[in-house]
Amino acid sequence: MTAKVLTGLLSEAGAEAYDRLHTAGQLTLGTGPGEFDLDSEVGRELLDAGLVTLAGAGGQPRFVRVVHPVIALRRLLDRQHRQLSALQGRLAESWERFADLVAPTTGLAQGALDGEDVQAVRDPAEMARLAAGLYRSPRRLLRATFNARSGHNPTTEGLLLPPPDAIAAGVEFRMLYDAEHASDEWGSHSIEQSVLAGEQARIRRSVPVKMMHVDDSVALVTIDRTGADGALHVRSPALLALLAEWFDALWDAPGTTTIGESAPAELTPARHKILRLLAAGLTDEAIARQTGTAVRTVRRHVGAILELLGVESRFAAGVAAVRRGWL
């Protein structure tokens, strides 16, 4: 097993330092040429991850070595698993608090929230009008989520794009899409146009609700996945804080992948779409269903993508693709 299997589990500098130590066998501790500085940023990264061991005489360490790549991979994957478990716990806790606040038996119906702070919107046309208005209104930051369309178009005003004057003023438009929407022909086109207009777009395997969250002051969030049951127009500071916390956790989660402006020259459009879905965590079988491609063909494309990126795992492929700006 080669050291490149660690790609995506360490910083780029950390991976290079690991490779250097792995090739050398051991290096003298120090800051001079050919020595290894354990107090440097990459030194601390390898030490904190448990990837280096120290050796020396008289109880005084003089040399540093790295653990075998198999052990390093296991330790890094264990660390990744712990981080993911902790993140899932935080997401579940935040969503449970949100659900408790708006539940019919404990929230709105019992007066736990003032009627002016949270209002139900049932009419699809009104929901679309509010969503379009909120998308164009931020002065600082828009947090938004969108999943595959169902029942009716997301707006009656056509494709929503960040206003050029807002982008020029430094307003951030952050949009999370689900993989199903990103793989749809209309969805893929809308995302591409939005990114070209200045939107920051990322993709996840699934997004549970649609939401527009503007400047931490107002939000519109669907009651169910599709919005068929209506939406909540939220001005409650408590709910806005919870929704922002939930969004920010998803935005930075390992399973979230940045979408770039265009496919690189090295990738065909078909492989670029497969790379997006692969990075979002879909299996070969799920990718085949999304793209209408045979599983065997998908696996052939995945193999070519891994080879092109020079990595040996699907997770590493997603990370490497993001670093290269391919997603």
C-alpha atoms as a PDB file:
ATOM      1  CA  MET A   1       0.000   0.000   0.000  1.00  0.00           C
ATOM      2  CA  THR A   2       1.386   3.404  -0.943  1.00  0.00           C
ATOM      3  CA  ALA A   3       1.174   6.608   1.043  1.00  0.00           C
ATOM      4  CA  LYS A   4      -1.124   8.264  -1.505  1.00  0.00           C
ATOM      5  CA  VAL A   5      -4.013   6.334   0.016  1.00  0.00           C
ATOM      6  CA  LEU A   6      -4.008   9.008   2.750  1.00  0.00           C
ATOM      7  CA  THR A   7      -4.948  11.736   0.264  1.00  0.00           C
ATOM      8  CA  GLY A   8      -7.890  13.723   1.582  1.00  0.00           C
ATOM      9  CA  LEU A   9      -7.461  12.538   5.164  1.00  0.00           C
ATOM     10  CA  LEU A  10      -4.595  14.959   5.867  1.00  0.00           C
ATOM     11  CA  SER A  11      -3.856  18.464   4.690  1.00  0.00           C
ATOM     12  CA  GLU A  12      -1.848  18.627   1.467  1.00  0.00           C
ATOM     13  CA  ALA A  13       1.241  19.698   3.418  1.00  0.00           C
ATOM     14  CA  GLY A  14       0.640  16.964   5.994  1.00  0.00           C
ATOM     15  CA  ALA A  15       0.366  14.298   3.293  1.00  0.00           C
ATOM     16  CA  GLU A  16       3.615  15.521   1.698  1.00  0.00           C
ATOM     17  CA  ALA A  17       5.374  15.428   5.084  1.00  0.00           C
ATOM     18  CA  TYR A  18       4.132  11.894   5.706  1.00  0.00           C
ATOM     19  CA  ASP A  19       5.402  10.822   2.264  1.00  0.00           C
ATOM     20  CA  ARG A  20       8.810  12.389   2.952  1.00  0.00           C
ATOM     21  CA  LEU A  21       9.157  10.597   6.274  1.00  0.00           C
ATOM     22  CA  HIS A  22       7.847   7.329   4.850  1.00  0.00           C
ATOM     23  CA  THR A  23      10.421   7.448   2.056  1.00  0.00           C
ATOM     24  CA  ALA A  24      13.310   8.425   4.343  1.00  0.00           C
ATOM     25  CA  GLY A  25      12.514   5.817   6.995  1.00  0.00           C
ATOM     26  CA  GLN A  26      13.456   8.246   9.751  1.00  0.00           C
ATOM     27  CA  LEU A  27      14.679  11.835  10.083  1.00  0.00           C
ATOM     28  CA  THR A  28      16.579  13.680  12.783  1.00  0.00           C
ATOM     29  CA  LEU A  29      14.513  16.030  14.906  1.00  0.00           C
ATOM     30  CA  GLY A  30      15.393  19.647  14.240  1.00  0.00           C
ATOM     31  CA  THR A  31      14.830  22.667  12.059  1.00  0.00           C
ATOM     32  CA  GLY A  32      17.794  22.370   9.734  1.00  0.00           C
ATOM     33  CA  PRO A  33      18.048  20.996   6.194  1.00  0.00           C
ATOM     34  CA  GLY A  34      17.093  17.340   6.023  1.00  0.00           C
ATOM     35  CA  GLU A  35      15.655  17.440   9.552  1.00  0.00           C
ATOM     36  CA  PHE A  36      12.046  17.288  10.701  1.00  0.00           C
ATOM     37  CA  ASP A  37      10.526  20.017  12.847  1.00  0.00           C
ATOM     38  CA  LEU A  38       7.961  18.384  15.100  1.00  0.00           C
ATOM     39  CA  ASP A  39       6.839  21.794  16.381  1.00  0.00           C
ATOM     40  CA  SER A  40       5.855  22.975  12.898  1.00  0.00           C
ATOM     41  CA  GLU A  41       2.222  22.998  11.776  1.00  0.00           C
ATOM     42  CA  VAL A  42       2.570  19.787   9.748  1.00  0.00           C
ATOM     43  CA  GLY A  43       4.625  18.196  12.525  1.00  0.00           C
ATOM     44  CA  ARG A  44       1.861  18.850  15.033  1.00  0.00           C
ATOM     45  CA  GLU A  45      -0.715  17.554  12.561  1.00  0.00           C
ATOM     46  CA  LEU A  46       1.078  14.220  12.166  1.00  0.00           C
ATOM     47  CA  LEU A  47       1.734  13.979  15.906  1.00  0.00           C
ATOM     48  CA  ASP A  48      -1.876  14.769  16.853  1.00  0.00           C
ATOM     49  CA  ALA A  49      -3.123  12.173  14.367  1.00  0.00           C
ATOM     50  CA  GLY A  50      -0.862   9.512  15.912  1.00  0.00           C
ATOM     51  CA  LEU A  51       1.098   9.003  12.693  1.00  0.00           C
ATOM     52  CA  VAL A  52       4.638   9.514  14.020  1.00  0.00           C
ATOM     53  CA  THR A  53       6.820   7.797  16.611  1.00  0.00           C
ATOM     54  CA  LEU A  54       9.929   9.113  18.320  1.00  0.00           C
ATOM     55  CA  ALA A  55      13.190   7.266  18.948  1.00  0.00           C
ATOM     56  CA  GLY A  56      16.481   8.099  20.648  1.00  0.00           C
ATOM     57  CA  ALA A  57      19.028   7.199  23.300  1.00  0.00           C
ATOM     58  CA  GLY A  58      19.049   8.058  26.960  1.00  0.00           C
ATOM     59  CA  GLY A  59      15.396   8.840  27.080  1.00  0.00           C
ATOM     60  CA  GLN A  60      15.931  11.809  24.761  1.00  0.00           C
ATOM     61  CA  PRO A  61      14.135  11.531  21.385  1.00  0.00           C
ATOM     62  CA  ARG A  62      16.407  12.281  18.429  1.00  0.00           C
ATOM     63  CA  PHE A  63      14.624  10.732  15.487  1.00  0.00           C
ATOM     64  CA  VAL A  64      11.088  10.695  14.108  1.00  0.00           C
ATOM     65  CA  ARG A  65       9.446   7.953  12.055  1.00  0.00           C
ATOM     66  CA  VAL A  66       5.960   7.474  10.640  1.00  0.00           C
ATOM     67  CA  VAL A  67       3.743   4.480  11.286  1.00  0.00           C
ATOM     68  CA  HIS A  68       3.028   2.031   8.459  1.00  0.00           C
ATOM     69  CA  PRO A  69       0.477   3.314   5.878  1.00  0.00           C
ATOM     70  CA  VAL A  70      -2.013   0.588   6.874  1.00  0.00           C
ATOM     71  CA  ILE A  71      -1.915   1.767  10.502  1.00  0.00           C
ATOM     72  CA  ALA A  72      -2.021   5.418   9.414  1.00  0.00           C
ATOM     73  CA  LEU A  73      -5.081   4.810   7.243  1.00  0.00           C
ATOM     74  CA  ARG A  74      -6.859   2.985  10.059  1.00  0.00           C
ATOM     75  CA  ARG A  75      -6.162   5.772  12.549  1.00  0.00           C
ATOM     76  CA  LEU A  76      -7.253   8.498  10.143  1.00  0.00           C
ATOM     77  CA  LEU A  77     -10.436   6.654   9.208  1.00  0.00           C
ATOM     78  CA  ASP A  78     -11.212   6.092  12.890  1.00  0.00           C
ATOM     79  CA  ARG A  79     -10.735   9.817  13.503  1.00  0.00           C
ATOM     80  CA  GLN A  80     -12.976  10.625  10.529  1.00  0.00           C
ATOM     81  CA  HIS A  81     -15.631   8.285  11.888  1.00  0.00           C
ATOM     82  CA  ARG A  82     -15.518   9.950  15.314  1.00  0.00           C
ATOM     83  CA  GLN A  83     -15.858  13.381  13.727  1.00  0.00           C
ATOM     84  CA  LEU A  84     -18.791  12.248  11.594  1.00  0.00           C
ATOM     85  CA  SER A  85     -20.510  10.655  14.584  1.00  0.00           C
ATOM     86  CA  ALA A  86     -20.101  13.847  16.613  1.00  0.00           C
ATOM     87  CA  LEU A  87     -21.419  15.927  13.721  1.00  0.00           C
ATOM     88  CA  GLN A  88     -24.451  13.682  13.271  1.00  0.00           C
ATOM     89  CA  GLY A  89     -25.154  14.020  16.975  1.00  0.00           C
ATOM     90  CA  ARG A  90     -25.032  17.815  16.805  1.00  0.00           C
ATOM     91  CA  LEU A  91     -27.271  17.863  13.732  1.00  0.00           C
ATOM     92  CA  ALA A  92     -29.806  15.543  15.341  1.00  0.00           C
ATOM     93  CA  GLU A  93     -29.840  17.611  18.536  1.00  0.00           C
ATOM     94  CA  SER A  94     -30.366  20.871  16.648  1.00  0.00           C
ATOM     95  CA  TRP A  95     -33.171  19.427  14.521  1.00  0.00           C
ATOM     96  CA  GLU A  96     -34.899  17.906  17.563  1.00  0.00           C
ATOM     97  CA  ARG A  97     -34.877  21.301  19.277  1.00  0.00           C
ATOM     98  CA  PHE A  98     -36.355  22.863  16.154  1.00  0.00           C
ATOM     99  CA  ALA A  99     -39.028  20.149  15.912  1.00  0.00           C
ATOM    100  CA  ASP A 100     -39.960  20.628  19.568  1.00  0.00           C
ATOM    101  CA  LEU A 101     -40.447  24.351  19.074  1.00  0.00           C
ATOM    102  CA  VAL A 102     -42.786  23.968  16.114  1.00  0.00           C
ATOM    103  CA  ALA A 103     -44.554  20.722  17.084  1.00  0.00           C
ATOM    104  CA  PRO A 104     -48.381  21.062  17.140  1.00  0.00           C
ATOM    105  CA  THR A 105     -48.603  19.823  20.752  1.00  0.00           C
ATOM    106  CA  THR A 106     -45.698  21.767  22.253  1.00  0.00           C
ATOM    107  CA  GLY A 107     -44.921  24.639  19.914  1.00  0.00           C
ATOM    108  CA  LEU A 108     -47.074  26.925  17.811  1.00  0.00           C
ATOM    109  CA  ALA A 109     -50.428  25.498  18.867  1.00  0.00           C
ATOM    110  CA  GLN A 110     -49.625  25.986  22.546  1.00  0.00           C
ATOM    111  CA  GLY A 111     -48.398  29.540  22.138  1.00  0.00           C
ATOM    112  CA  ALA A 112     -44.730  28.719  22.790  1.00  0.00           C
ATOM    113  CA  LEU A 113     -43.899  31.117  19.954  1.00  0.00           C
ATOM    114  CA  ASP A 114     -45.547  34.424  19.233  1.00  0.00           C
ATOM    115  CA  GLY A 115     -47.745  34.402  16.135  1.00  0.00           C
ATOM    116  CA  GLU A 116     -45.741  37.218  14.617  1.00  0.00           C
ATOM    117  CA  ASP A 117     -42.507  35.249  15.039  1.00  0.00           C
ATOM    118  CA  VAL A 118     -43.621  32.166  13.089  1.00  0.00           C
ATOM    119  CA  GLN A 119     -46.428  32.109  10.551  1.00  0.00           C
ATOM    120  CA  ALA A 120     -47.627  29.191   8.456  1.00  0.00           C
ATOM    121  CA  VAL A 121     -47.789  29.711   4.687  1.00  0.00           C
ATOM    122  CA  ARG A 122     -49.974  27.200   2.841  1.00  0.00           C
ATOM    123  CA  ASP A 123     -50.514  28.707  -0.609  1.00  0.00           C
ATOM    124  CA  PRO A 124     -47.876  27.464  -3.121  1.00  0.00           C
ATOM    125  CA  ALA A 125     -47.929  30.732  -5.067  1.00  0.00           C
ATOM    126  CA  GLU A 126     -47.340  32.734  -1.878  1.00  0.00           C
ATOM    127  CA  MET A 127     -44.511  30.395  -0.877  1.00  0.00           C
ATOM    128  CA  ALA A 128     -42.872  30.869  -4.277  1.00  0.00           C
ATOM    129  CA  ARG A 129     -43.251  34.649  -4.067  1.00  0.00           C
ATOM    130  CA  LEU A 130     -41.721  34.766  -0.588  1.00  0.00           C
ATOM    131  CA  ALA A 131     -38.863  32.435  -1.557  1.00  0.00           C
ATOM    132  CA  ALA A 132     -37.985  34.529  -4.608  1.00  0.00           C
ATOM    133  CA  GLY A 133     -38.097  37.734  -2.591  1.00  0.00           C
ATOM    134  CA  LEU A 134     -35.934  36.338   0.183  1.00  0.00           C
ATOM    135  CA  TYR A 135     -33.366  34.993  -2.272  1.00  0.00           C
ATOM    136  CA  ARG A 136     -32.859  38.467  -3.720  1.00  0.00           C
ATOM    137  CA  SER A 137     -32.929  40.359  -0.410  1.00  0.00           C
ATOM    138  CA  PRO A 138     -29.781  39.535   1.636  1.00  0.00           C
ATOM    139  CA  ARG A 139     -27.379  42.315   2.555  1.00  0.00           C
ATOM    140  CA  ARG A 140     -24.824  40.002   4.173  1.00  0.00           C
ATOM    141  CA  LEU A 141     -25.513  36.258   3.922  1.00  0.00           C
ATOM    142  CA  LEU A 142     -28.096  33.926   2.439  1.00  0.00           C
ATOM    143  CA  ARG A 143     -28.197  30.345   3.679  1.00  0.00           C
ATOM    144  CA  ALA A 144     -30.451  28.244   1.466  1.00  0.00           C
ATOM    145  CA  THR A 145     -31.247  24.608   0.752  1.00  0.00           C
ATOM    146  CA  PHE A 146     -32.993  23.048  -2.197  1.00  0.00           C
ATOM    147  CA  ASN A 147     -33.910  19.477  -3.077  1.00  0.00           C
ATOM    148  CA  ALA A 148     -35.423  17.799  -6.132  1.00  0.00           C
ATOM    149  CA  ARG A 149     -38.613  19.427  -7.380  1.00  0.00           C
ATOM    150  CA  SER A 150     -41.917  17.764  -6.628  1.00  0.00           C
ATOM    151  CA  GLY A 151     -45.440  18.843  -7.449  1.00  0.00           C
ATOM    152  CA  HIS A 152     -44.715  22.366  -8.663  1.00  0.00           C
ATOM    153  CA  ASN A 153     -41.823  24.530  -9.783  1.00  0.00           C
ATOM    154  CA  PRO A 154     -39.768  26.163  -7.022  1.00  0.00           C
ATOM    155  CA  THR A 155     -40.749  29.645  -8.172  1.00  0.00           C
ATOM    156  CA  THR A 156     -43.099  31.223 -10.666  1.00  0.00           C
ATOM    157  CA  GLU A 157     -40.465  33.755 -11.671  1.00  0.00           C
ATOM    158  CA  GLY A 158     -38.079  31.453 -13.498  1.00  0.00           C
ATOM    159  CA  LEU A 159     -34.458  30.840 -12.601  1.00  0.00           C
ATOM    160  CA  LEU A 160     -33.275  32.647  -9.468  1.00  0.00           C
ATOM    161  CA  LEU A 161     -29.827  34.200  -9.786  1.00  0.00           C
ATOM    162  CA  PRO A 162     -27.844  36.292  -7.290  1.00  0.00           C
ATOM    163  CA  PRO A 163     -28.269  40.019  -8.082  1.00  0.00           C
ATOM    164  CA  PRO A 164     -25.029  41.353  -9.628  1.00  0.00           C
ATOM    165  CA  ASP A 165     -25.020  44.417  -7.345  1.00  0.00           C
ATOM    166  CA  ALA A 166     -25.266  42.167  -4.261  1.00  0.00           C
ATOM    167  CA  ILE A 167     -22.367  40.004  -5.437  1.00  0.00           C
ATOM    168  CA  ALA A 168     -20.334  43.138  -6.152  1.00  0.00           C
ATOM    169  CA  ALA A 169     -21.065  44.370  -2.624  1.00  0.00           C
ATOM    170  CA  GLY A 170     -19.694  41.138  -1.120  1.00  0.00           C
ATOM    171  CA  VAL A 171     -22.989  39.483  -0.177  1.00  0.00           C
ATOM    172  CA  GLU A 172     -22.575  35.680   0.146  1.00  0.00           C
ATOM    173  CA  PHE A 173     -25.149  33.376  -1.422  1.00  0.00           C
ATOM    174  CA  ARG A 174     -24.672  29.851  -0.028  1.00  0.00           C
ATOM    175  CA  MET A 175     -26.904  27.151  -1.479  1.00  0.00           C
ATOM    176  CA  LEU A 176     -27.014  23.449  -0.565  1.00  0.00           C
ATOM    177  CA  TYR A 177     -28.529  21.142  -3.212  1.00  0.00           C
ATOM    178  CA  ASP A 178     -29.321  17.455  -3.000  1.00  0.00           C
ATOM    179  CA  ALA A 179     -27.749  14.970  -5.416  1.00  0.00           C
ATOM    180  CA  GLU A 180     -31.041  14.169  -7.133  1.00  0.00           C
ATOM    181  CA  HIS A 181     -31.611  17.799  -8.087  1.00  0.00           C
ATOM    182  CA  ALA A 182     -27.989  18.248  -9.199  1.00  0.00           C
ATOM    183  CA  SER A 183     -28.216  15.219 -11.503  1.00  0.00           C
ATOM    184  CA  ASP A 184     -31.488  16.350 -13.099  1.00  0.00           C
ATOM    185  CA  GLU A 185     -31.101  18.144 -16.451  1.00  0.00           C
ATOM    186  CA  TRP A 186     -32.985  21.261 -15.314  1.00  0.00           C
ATOM    187  CA  GLY A 187     -31.342  21.179 -11.898  1.00  0.00           C
ATOM    188  CA  SER A 188     -27.838  20.838 -13.293  1.00  0.00           C
ATOM    189  CA  HIS A 189     -28.454  23.770 -15.650  1.00  0.00           C
ATOM    190  CA  SER A 190     -29.868  25.982 -12.899  1.00  0.00           C
ATOM    191  CA  ILE A 191     -26.929  25.252 -10.581  1.00  0.00           C
ATOM    192  CA  GLU A 192     -24.408  26.010 -13.321  1.00  0.00           C
ATOM    193  CA  GLN A 193     -26.047  29.354 -14.091  1.00  0.00           C
ATOM    194  CA  SER A 194     -26.280  30.272 -10.409  1.00  0.00           C
ATOM    195  CA  VAL A 195     -22.609  29.488  -9.794  1.00  0.00           C
ATOM    196  CA  LEU A 196     -21.592  31.529 -12.836  1.00  0.00           C
ATOM    197  CA  ALA A 197     -23.606  34.422 -11.386  1.00  0.00           C
ATOM    198  CA  GLY A 198     -21.687  34.243  -8.096  1.00  0.00           C
ATOM    199  CA  GLU A 199     -23.562  31.736  -5.938  1.00  0.00           C
ATOM    200  CA  GLN A 200     -21.550  29.401  -3.694  1.00  0.00           C
ATOM    201  CA  ALA A 201     -23.088  25.995  -4.337  1.00  0.00           C
ATOM    202  CA  ARG A 202     -22.501  22.702  -2.571  1.00  0.00           C
ATOM    203  CA  ILE A 203     -24.100  19.291  -2.952  1.00  0.00           C
ATOM    204  CA  ARG A 204     -25.164  16.625  -0.461  1.00  0.00           C
ATOM    205  CA  ARG A 205     -26.654  13.196  -0.927  1.00  0.00           C
ATOM    206  CA  SER A 206     -29.885  14.423   0.631  1.00  0.00           C
ATOM    207  CA  VAL A 207     -31.342  17.706   1.894  1.00  0.00           C
ATOM    208  CA  PRO A 208     -34.426  17.260   4.124  1.00  0.00           C
ATOM    209  CA  VAL A 209     -36.197  20.589   3.525  1.00  0.00           C
ATOM    210  CA  LYS A 210     -36.177  23.683   1.338  1.00  0.00           C
ATOM    211  CA  MET A 211     -35.101  26.865   3.093  1.00  0.00           C
ATOM    212  CA  MET A 212     -34.261  30.539   2.557  1.00  0.00           C
ATOM    213  CA  HIS A 213     -32.474  32.030   5.588  1.00  0.00           C
ATOM    214  CA  VAL A 214     -31.590  35.720   5.206  1.00  0.00           C
ATOM    215  CA  ASP A 215     -29.112  37.700   7.314  1.00  0.00           C
ATOM    216  CA  ASP A 216     -30.088  35.828  10.498  1.00  0.00           C
ATOM    217  CA  SER A 217     -33.266  37.930  10.536  1.00  0.00           C
ATOM    218  CA  VAL A 218     -35.898  35.979   8.601  1.00  0.00           C
ATOM    219  CA  ALA A 219     -36.319  32.527   7.071  1.00  0.00           C
ATOM    220  CA  LEU A 220     -38.772  30.484   5.047  1.00  0.00           C
ATOM    221  CA  VAL A 221     -38.508  26.724   5.654  1.00  0.00           C
ATOM    222  CA  THR A 222     -40.822  24.040   4.303  1.00  0.00           C
ATOM    223  CA  ILE A 223     -42.730  21.931   6.801  1.00  0.00           C
ATOM    224  CA  ASP A 224     -42.016  18.751   4.834  1.00  0.00           C
ATOM    225  CA  ARG A 225     -39.430  17.755   2.237  1.00  0.00           C
ATOM    226  CA  THR A 226     -41.322  18.939  -0.845  1.00  0.00           C
ATOM    227  CA  GLY A 227     -43.223  21.895   0.570  1.00  0.00           C
ATOM    228  CA  ALA A 228     -46.564  20.252  -0.209  1.00  0.00           C
ATOM    229  CA  ASP A 229     -47.702  20.815   3.394  1.00  0.00           C
ATOM    230  CA  GLY A 230     -46.671  24.454   3.360  1.00  0.00           C
ATOM    231  CA  ALA A 231     -43.845  26.399   4.966  1.00  0.00           C
ATOM    232  CA  LEU A 232     -43.021  28.417   8.075  1.00  0.00           C
ATOM    233  CA  HIS A 233     -42.187  32.111   7.750  1.00  0.00           C
ATOM    234  CA  VAL A 234     -39.790  32.509  10.678  1.00  0.00           C
ATOM    235  CA  ARG A 235     -38.667  35.629  12.544  1.00  0.00           C
ATOM    236  CA  SER A 236     -38.111  33.984  15.932  1.00  0.00           C
ATOM    237  CA  PRO A 237     -34.457  34.539  16.989  1.00  0.00           C
ATOM    238  CA  ALA A 238     -34.374  31.107  18.672  1.00  0.00           C
ATOM    239  CA  LEU A 239     -35.546  29.272  15.569  1.00  0.00           C
ATOM    240  CA  LEU A 240     -33.344  31.336  13.263  1.00  0.00           C
ATOM    241  CA  ALA A 241     -30.297  30.475  15.379  1.00  0.00           C
ATOM    242  CA  LEU A 242     -31.160  26.763  15.278  1.00  0.00           C
ATOM    243  CA  LEU A 243     -31.676  26.772  11.518  1.00  0.00           C
ATOM    244  CA  ALA A 244     -28.396  28.645  11.005  1.00  0.00           C
ATOM    245  CA  GLU A 245     -26.558  26.148  13.229  1.00  0.00           C
ATOM    246  CA  TRP A 246     -28.062  23.238  11.295  1.00  0.00           C
ATOM    247  CA  PHE A 247     -27.166  24.755   7.918  1.00  0.00           C
ATOM    248  CA  ASP A 248     -23.586  25.656   8.912  1.00  0.00           C
ATOM    249  CA  ALA A 249     -22.974  22.122  10.170  1.00  0.00           C
ATOM    250  CA  LEU A 250     -24.193  20.659   6.867  1.00  0.00           C
ATOM    251  CA  TRP A 251     -22.222  23.233   4.847  1.00  0.00           C
ATOM    252  CA  ASP A 252     -18.919  22.167   6.428  1.00  0.00           C
ATOM    253  CA  ALA A 253     -19.702  18.454   6.819  1.00  0.00           C
ATOM    254  CA  PRO A 254     -17.394  15.913   5.114  1.00  0.00           C
ATOM    255  CA  GLY A 255     -20.313  14.636   3.029  1.00  0.00           C
ATOM    256  CA  THR A 256     -20.830  18.064   1.454  1.00  0.00           C
ATOM    257  CA  THR A 257     -19.011  18.774  -1.807  1.00  0.00           C
ATOM    258  CA  THR A 258     -18.309  22.121  -3.454  1.00  0.00           C
ATOM    259  CA  ILE A 259     -19.613  22.553  -6.983  1.00  0.00           C
ATOM    260  CA  GLY A 260     -17.280  24.341  -9.368  1.00  0.00           C
ATOM    261  CA  GLU A 261     -18.100  26.516 -12.332  1.00  0.00           C
ATOM    262  CA  SER A 262     -17.432  23.982 -15.061  1.00  0.00           C
ATOM    263  CA  ALA A 263     -16.070  20.530 -15.726  1.00  0.00           C
ATOM    264  CA  PRO A 264     -12.292  20.302 -16.249  1.00  0.00           C
ATOM    265  CA  ALA A 265     -10.963  19.458 -19.664  1.00  0.00           C
ATOM    266  CA  GLU A 266      -9.780  16.062 -18.390  1.00  0.00           C
ATOM    267  CA  LEU A 267     -13.313  14.916 -17.564  1.00  0.00           C
ATOM    268  CA  THR A 268     -16.138  14.131 -19.931  1.00  0.00           C
ATOM    269  CA  PRO A 269     -19.569  15.550 -18.941  1.00  0.00           C
ATOM    270  CA  ALA A 270     -20.724  12.023 -18.047  1.00  0.00           C
ATOM    271  CA  ARG A 271     -17.745  11.432 -15.747  1.00  0.00           C
ATOM    272  CA  HIS A 272     -18.096  14.852 -14.174  1.00  0.00           C
ATOM    273  CA  LYS A 273     -21.704  14.081 -13.240  1.00  0.00           C
ATOM    274  CA  ILE A 274     -20.619  10.714 -11.818  1.00  0.00           C
ATOM    275  CA  LEU A 275     -17.858  12.441  -9.838  1.00  0.00           C
ATOM    276  CA  ARG A 276     -20.401  14.825  -8.281  1.00  0.00           C
ATOM    277  CA  LEU A 277     -22.632  11.951  -7.198  1.00  0.00           C
ATOM    278  CA  LEU A 278     -19.686   9.867  -6.019  1.00  0.00           C
ATOM    279  CA  ALA A 279     -18.439  12.769  -3.886  1.00  0.00           C
ATOM    280  CA  ALA A 280     -21.931  13.148  -2.419  1.00  0.00           C
ATOM    281  CA  GLY A 281     -21.698   9.575  -1.105  1.00  0.00           C
ATOM    282  CA  LEU A 282     -23.888   7.673  -3.582  1.00  0.00           C
ATOM    283  CA  THR A 283     -23.127   4.019  -4.292  1.00  0.00           C
ATOM    284  CA  ASP A 284     -22.429   2.754  -7.800  1.00  0.00           C
ATOM    285  CA  GLU A 285     -25.941   1.324  -7.931  1.00  0.00           C
ATOM    286  CA  ALA A 286     -27.504   4.640  -6.873  1.00  0.00           C
ATOM    287  CA  ILE A 287     -25.383   6.557  -9.400  1.00  0.00           C
ATOM    288  CA  ALA A 288     -26.498   4.141 -12.110  1.00  0.00           C
ATOM    289  CA  ARG A 289     -30.162   4.814 -11.254  1.00  0.00           C
ATOM    290  CA  GLN A 290     -29.626   8.590 -11.168  1.00  0.00           C
ATOM    291  CA  THR A 291     -27.799   8.696 -14.509  1.00  0.00           C
ATOM    292  CA  GLY A 292     -29.641   5.909 -16.331  1.00  0.00           C
ATOM    293  CA  THR A 293     -26.343   4.063 -16.798  1.00  0.00           C
ATOM    294  CA  ALA A 294     -25.420   0.433 -16.303  1.00  0.00           C
ATOM    295  CA  VAL A 295     -23.672  -0.311 -12.995  1.00  0.00           C
ATOM    296  CA  ARG A 296     -20.749  -1.848 -14.882  1.00  0.00           C
ATOM    297  CA  THR A 297     -20.342   1.369 -16.879  1.00  0.00           C
ATOM    298  CA  VAL A 298     -20.471   3.471 -13.708  1.00  0.00           C
ATOM    299  CA  ARG A 299     -17.755   1.341 -12.114  1.00  0.00           C
ATOM    300  CA  ARG A 300     -15.579   1.751 -15.179  1.00  0.00           C
ATOM    301  CA  HIS A 301     -16.002   5.533 -14.985  1.00  0.00           C
ATOM    302  CA  VAL A 302     -15.307   5.548 -11.235  1.00  0.00           C
ATOM    303  CA  GLY A 303     -12.088   3.597 -11.828  1.00  0.00           C
ATOM    304  CA  ALA A 304     -11.016   6.102 -14.474  1.00  0.00           C
ATOM    305  CA  ILE A 305     -11.795   9.015 -12.143  1.00  0.00           C
ATOM    306  CA  LEU A 306      -9.732   7.515  -9.308  1.00  0.00           C
ATOM    307  CA  GLU A 307      -6.832   6.929 -11.675  1.00  0.00           C
ATOM    308  CA  LEU A 308      -7.069  10.455 -13.055  1.00  0.00           C
ATOM    309  CA  LEU A 309      -6.995  11.914  -9.538  1.00  0.00           C
ATOM    310  CA  GLY A 310      -4.248   9.559  -8.390  1.00  0.00           C
ATOM    311  CA  VAL A 311      -6.172   8.295  -5.353  1.00  0.00           C
ATOM    312  CA  GLU A 312      -7.365   4.909  -4.173  1.00  0.00           C
ATOM    313  CA  SER A 313     -10.626   5.632  -2.354  1.00  0.00           C
ATOM    314  CA  ARG A 314     -13.945   7.262  -3.173  1.00  0.00           C
ATOM    315  CA  PHE A 315     -13.687   9.637  -0.210  1.00  0.00           C
ATOM    316  CA  ALA A 316     -10.203  10.718  -1.276  1.00  0.00           C
ATOM    317  CA  ALA A 317     -11.501  11.292  -4.810  1.00  0.00           C
ATOM    318  CA  GLY A 318     -14.089  13.777  -3.545  1.00  0.00           C
ATOM    319  CA  VAL A 319     -11.542  15.675  -1.469  1.00  0.00           C
ATOM    320  CA  ALA A 320      -8.938  15.694  -4.254  1.00  0.00           C
ATOM    321  CA  ALA A 321     -11.506  16.878  -6.804  1.00  0.00           C
ATOM    322  CA  VAL A 322     -12.549  19.776  -4.561  1.00  0.00           C
ATOM    323  CA  ARG A 323      -8.923  20.801  -4.043  1.00  0.00           C
ATOM    324  CA  ARG A 324      -8.367  20.854  -7.798  1.00  0.00           C
ATOM    325  CA  GLY A 325     -11.495  22.911  -8.344  1.00  0.00           C
ATOM    326  CA  TRP A 326     -13.226  20.141 -10.264  1.00  0.00           C
ATOM    327  CA  LEU A 327     -16.300  20.325  -8.022  1.00  0.00           C
END
